Amino acid sequence: MPNEPLQGVLARLDTVIDKARKTRDRRGFFAALYRRVTREVADRIRNGRFDRPEDVARAVLFLCSAMSAHVTGQVLRVDGGQLMA
């Protein structure tokens, strides 16, 4: 069924909301949850980190330079290898 992944996400979200309601230090709870989710997502990226503005700026600089004179009709993905992971 197409909604099975969504149902799993909603079930986990219900669990998180329920736990947050029972936790006195909600700010600390959500900060820890954010760190955990960020770490899990970064682990799935081949480079092991999120993109930085400098990464995109280097790609733009390359495309604006003479080094890319022979590059046409291409998509330059600046994602740290996220699709490969």
N, C-alpha and C. Protein backbone atom coordinates (compact mmCIF):
# COMPACT_ATOMS: atom_id res chain seq x y z
N MET A 1 0.83 -1.17 0.00
CA MET A 1 0.00 0.00 0.00
C MET A 1 0.88 1.24 0.00
N PRO A 2 0.50 2.29 -0.72
CA PRO A 2 1.34 3.48 -0.81
C PRO A 2 1.43 4.27 0.49
N ASN A 3 0.49 4.12 1.40
CA ASN A 3 0.49 4.90 2.63
C ASN A 3 1.24 4.23 3.77
N GLU A 4 1.77 3.03 3.57
CA GLU A 4 2.47 2.33 4.64
C GLU A 4 3.65 3.13 5.18
N PRO A 5 4.54 3.68 4.34
CA PRO A 5 5.63 4.48 4.89
C PRO A 5 5.12 5.68 5.68
N LEU A 6 4.07 6.31 5.19
CA LEU A 6 3.50 7.46 5.89
C LEU A 6 2.93 7.03 7.24
N GLN A 7 2.28 5.90 7.30
CA GLN A 7 1.72 5.42 8.56
C GLN A 7 2.83 5.17 9.58
N GLY A 8 3.98 4.65 9.13
CA GLY A 8 5.11 4.43 10.02
C GLY A 8 5.65 5.73 10.58
N VAL A 9 5.73 6.74 9.72
CA VAL A 9 6.21 8.06 10.15
C VAL A 9 5.23 8.66 11.15
N LEU A 10 3.94 8.56 10.86
CA LEU A 10 2.93 9.10 11.78
C LEU A 10 2.96 8.39 13.13
N ALA A 11 3.17 7.09 13.12
CA ALA A 11 3.25 6.34 14.38
C ALA A 11 4.45 6.78 15.19
N ARG A 12 5.60 6.98 14.54
CA ARG A 12 6.78 7.46 15.26
C ARG A 12 6.56 8.87 15.78
N LEU A 13 5.90 9.71 14.99
CA LEU A 13 5.62 11.08 15.41
C LEU A 13 4.71 11.08 16.63
N ASP A 14 3.70 10.22 16.66
CA ASP A 14 2.83 10.11 17.83
C ASP A 14 3.63 9.72 19.06
N THR A 15 4.57 8.80 18.90
CA THR A 15 5.42 8.37 20.01
C THR A 15 6.26 9.53 20.52
N VAL A 16 6.84 10.30 19.61
CA VAL A 16 7.67 11.44 20.00
C VAL A 16 6.83 12.49 20.73
N ILE A 17 5.65 12.79 20.20
CA ILE A 17 4.79 13.79 20.84
C ILE A 17 4.36 13.31 22.22
N ASP A 18 4.02 12.04 22.34
CA ASP A 18 3.62 11.50 23.63
C ASP A 18 4.76 11.60 24.64
N LYS A 19 5.96 11.26 24.21
CA LYS A 19 7.13 11.32 25.10
C LYS A 19 7.43 12.77 25.48
N ALA A 20 7.28 13.69 24.53
CA ALA A 20 7.54 15.10 24.82
C ALA A 20 6.55 15.64 25.84
N ARG A 21 5.32 15.18 25.80
CA ARG A 21 4.31 15.63 26.77
C ARG A 21 4.67 15.16 28.18
N LYS A 22 5.28 14.00 28.29
CA LYS A 22 5.62 13.43 29.59
C LYS A 22 6.96 13.96 30.12
N THR A 23 7.72 14.67 29.29
CA THR A 23 9.04 15.15 29.67
C THR A 23 8.94 16.57 30.19
N ARG A 24 9.55 16.82 31.33
CA ARG A 24 9.51 18.17 31.89
C ARG A 24 10.39 19.13 31.10
N ASP A 25 11.55 18.68 30.72
CA ASP A 25 12.48 19.55 29.98
C ASP A 25 12.24 19.37 28.49
N ARG A 26 11.18 19.98 27.98
CA ARG A 26 10.83 19.81 26.57
C ARG A 26 11.89 20.40 25.65
N ARG A 27 12.45 21.53 26.04
CA ARG A 27 13.46 22.17 25.20
C ARG A 27 14.67 21.25 25.05
N GLY A 28 15.11 20.64 26.13
CA GLY A 28 16.23 19.70 26.08
C GLY A 28 15.88 18.46 25.29
N PHE A 29 14.64 18.00 25.45
CA PHE A 29 14.19 16.82 24.72
C PHE A 29 14.26 17.05 23.21
N PHE A 30 13.70 18.20 22.77
CA PHE A 30 13.70 18.47 21.34
C PHE A 30 15.09 18.79 20.81
N ALA A 31 15.95 19.38 21.64
CA ALA A 31 17.33 19.63 21.22
C ALA A 31 18.05 18.30 21.00
N ALA A 32 17.85 17.35 21.91
CA ALA A 32 18.47 16.03 21.77
C ALA A 32 17.90 15.30 20.56
N LEU A 33 16.58 15.42 20.35
CA LEU A 33 15.95 14.78 19.18
C LEU A 33 16.51 15.38 17.89
N TYR A 34 16.66 16.70 17.85
CA TYR A 34 17.22 17.37 16.66
C TYR A 34 18.64 16.88 16.38
N ARG A 35 19.46 16.77 17.42
CA ARG A 35 20.84 16.28 17.24
C ARG A 35 20.84 14.85 16.71
N ARG A 36 19.96 14.02 17.25
CA ARG A 36 19.91 12.62 16.81
C ARG A 36 19.49 12.51 15.35
N VAL A 37 18.43 13.23 14.98
CA VAL A 37 17.94 13.18 13.59
C VAL A 37 19.00 13.75 12.65
N THR A 38 19.63 14.85 13.04
CA THR A 38 20.68 15.45 12.22
C THR A 38 21.82 14.47 12.00
N ARG A 39 22.22 13.78 13.06
CA ARG A 39 23.30 12.80 12.96
C ARG A 39 22.90 11.65 12.03
N GLU A 40 21.68 11.16 12.16
CA GLU A 40 21.21 10.05 11.32
C GLU A 40 21.18 10.44 9.85
N VAL A 41 20.73 11.64 9.56
CA VAL A 41 20.68 12.10 8.16
C VAL A 41 22.09 12.30 7.63
N ALA A 42 22.96 12.91 8.41
CA ALA A 42 24.34 13.14 7.97
C ALA A 42 25.07 11.82 7.73
N ASP A 43 24.74 10.79 8.50
CA ASP A 43 25.36 9.47 8.30
C ASP A 43 24.98 8.86 6.96
N ARG A 44 23.86 9.28 6.39
CA ARG A 44 23.42 8.75 5.10
C ARG A 44 24.04 9.49 3.92
N ILE A 45 24.74 10.58 4.19
CA ILE A 45 25.40 11.34 3.14
C ILE A 45 26.82 10.83 3.00
N ARG A 46 27.23 10.56 1.79
CA ARG A 46 28.54 9.97 1.53
C ARG A 46 29.67 10.79 2.17
N ASN A 47 29.58 12.11 2.11
CA ASN A 47 30.60 12.98 2.71
C ASN A 47 30.51 13.02 4.22
N GLY A 48 29.40 12.60 4.79
CA GLY A 48 29.23 12.57 6.22
C GLY A 48 28.90 13.92 6.84
N ARG A 49 28.49 14.88 6.02
CA ARG A 49 28.12 16.21 6.54
C ARG A 49 27.13 16.85 5.59
N PHE A 50 26.48 17.90 6.09
CA PHE A 50 25.54 18.65 5.26
C PHE A 50 26.31 19.61 4.37
N ASP A 51 25.67 20.03 3.30
CA ASP A 51 26.29 21.01 2.40
C ASP A 51 26.48 22.33 3.13
N ARG A 52 27.51 23.03 2.71
CA ARG A 52 27.78 24.36 3.24
C ARG A 52 27.64 25.36 2.09
N PRO A 53 27.41 26.62 2.40
CA PRO A 53 27.31 27.62 1.33
C PRO A 53 28.56 27.65 0.44
N GLU A 54 29.72 27.40 1.04
CA GLU A 54 30.97 27.40 0.24
C GLU A 54 30.96 26.30 -0.81
N ASP A 55 30.33 25.17 -0.52
CA ASP A 55 30.26 24.07 -1.48
C ASP A 55 29.51 24.50 -2.74
N VAL A 56 28.39 25.16 -2.53
CA VAL A 56 27.59 25.64 -3.66
C VAL A 56 28.33 26.76 -4.38
N ALA A 57 28.99 27.63 -3.62
CA ALA A 57 29.73 28.74 -4.23
C ALA A 57 30.86 28.22 -5.13
N ARG A 58 31.52 27.16 -4.73
CA ARG A 58 32.60 26.58 -5.56
C ARG A 58 32.04 26.02 -6.86
N ALA A 59 30.87 25.40 -6.80
CA ALA A 59 30.25 24.87 -8.01
C ALA A 59 29.86 26.01 -8.95
N VAL A 60 29.31 27.09 -8.39
CA VAL A 60 28.94 28.25 -9.21
C VAL A 60 30.19 28.87 -9.82
N LEU A 61 31.26 28.97 -9.03
CA LEU A 61 32.52 29.53 -9.53
C LEU A 61 33.05 28.69 -10.70
N PHE A 62 32.97 27.38 -10.56
CA PHE A 62 33.42 26.50 -11.64
C PHE A 62 32.59 26.73 -12.91
N LEU A 63 31.26 26.80 -12.75
CA LEU A 63 30.41 26.98 -13.91
C LEU A 63 30.61 28.35 -14.58
N CYS A 64 31.04 29.33 -13.82
CA CYS A 64 31.28 30.67 -14.37
C CYS A 64 32.69 30.82 -14.93
N SER A 65 33.53 29.83 -14.71
CA SER A 65 34.92 29.94 -15.14
C SER A 65 35.11 29.34 -16.54
N ALA A 66 36.28 29.58 -17.08
CA ALA A 66 36.62 29.04 -18.40
C ALA A 66 36.78 27.52 -18.34
N MET A 67 37.00 26.96 -17.15
CA MET A 67 37.16 25.51 -17.03
C MET A 67 35.89 24.75 -17.41
N SER A 68 34.75 25.41 -17.36
CA SER A 68 33.50 24.74 -17.71
C SER A 68 33.03 25.10 -19.12
N ALA A 69 33.93 25.60 -19.94
CA ALA A 69 33.57 26.06 -21.28
C ALA A 69 32.96 24.95 -22.14
N HIS A 70 33.35 23.72 -21.91
CA HIS A 70 32.88 22.61 -22.74
C HIS A 70 31.72 21.85 -22.06
N VAL A 71 31.26 22.32 -20.93
CA VAL A 71 30.17 21.67 -20.20
C VAL A 71 28.85 22.29 -20.65
N THR A 72 27.97 21.46 -21.19
CA THR A 72 26.66 21.95 -21.62
C THR A 72 25.58 20.94 -21.25
N GLY A 73 24.42 21.43 -20.90
CA GLY A 73 23.26 20.57 -20.66
C GLY A 73 23.44 19.56 -19.55
N GLN A 74 24.16 19.90 -18.51
CA GLN A 74 24.38 18.97 -17.41
C GLN A 74 23.77 19.51 -16.13
N VAL A 75 23.45 18.60 -15.25
CA VAL A 75 22.99 18.97 -13.91
C VAL A 75 24.14 18.68 -12.96
N LEU A 76 24.60 19.69 -12.29
CA LEU A 76 25.70 19.54 -11.34
C LEU A 76 25.10 19.45 -9.94
N ARG A 77 25.13 18.27 -9.39
CA ARG A 77 24.55 18.06 -8.06
C ARG A 77 25.60 18.35 -7.00
N VAL A 78 25.27 19.24 -6.11
CA VAL A 78 26.14 19.56 -4.98
C VAL A 78 25.44 19.02 -3.75
N ASP A 79 25.60 17.69 -3.52
CA ASP A 79 24.89 17.05 -2.43
C ASP A 79 25.79 16.16 -1.58
N GLY A 80 27.09 16.21 -1.80
CA GLY A 80 28.00 15.42 -0.97
C GLY A 80 27.86 13.92 -1.18
N GLY A 81 27.28 13.51 -2.30
CA GLY A 81 27.09 12.10 -2.57
C GLY A 81 25.88 11.51 -1.89
N GLN A 82 24.91 12.33 -1.54
CA GLN A 82 23.74 11.87 -0.79
C GLN A 82 22.96 10.82 -1.57
N LEU A 83 22.84 10.97 -2.87
CA LEU A 83 22.09 9.98 -3.65
C LEU A 83 22.80 8.65 -3.75
N MET A 84 24.12 8.66 -3.59
CA MET A 84 24.89 7.42 -3.70
C MET A 84 24.80 6.59 -2.44
N ALA A 85 24.55 7.24 -1.31
CA ALA A 85 24.56 6.52 0.00
C ALA A 85 23.34 5.65 0.16
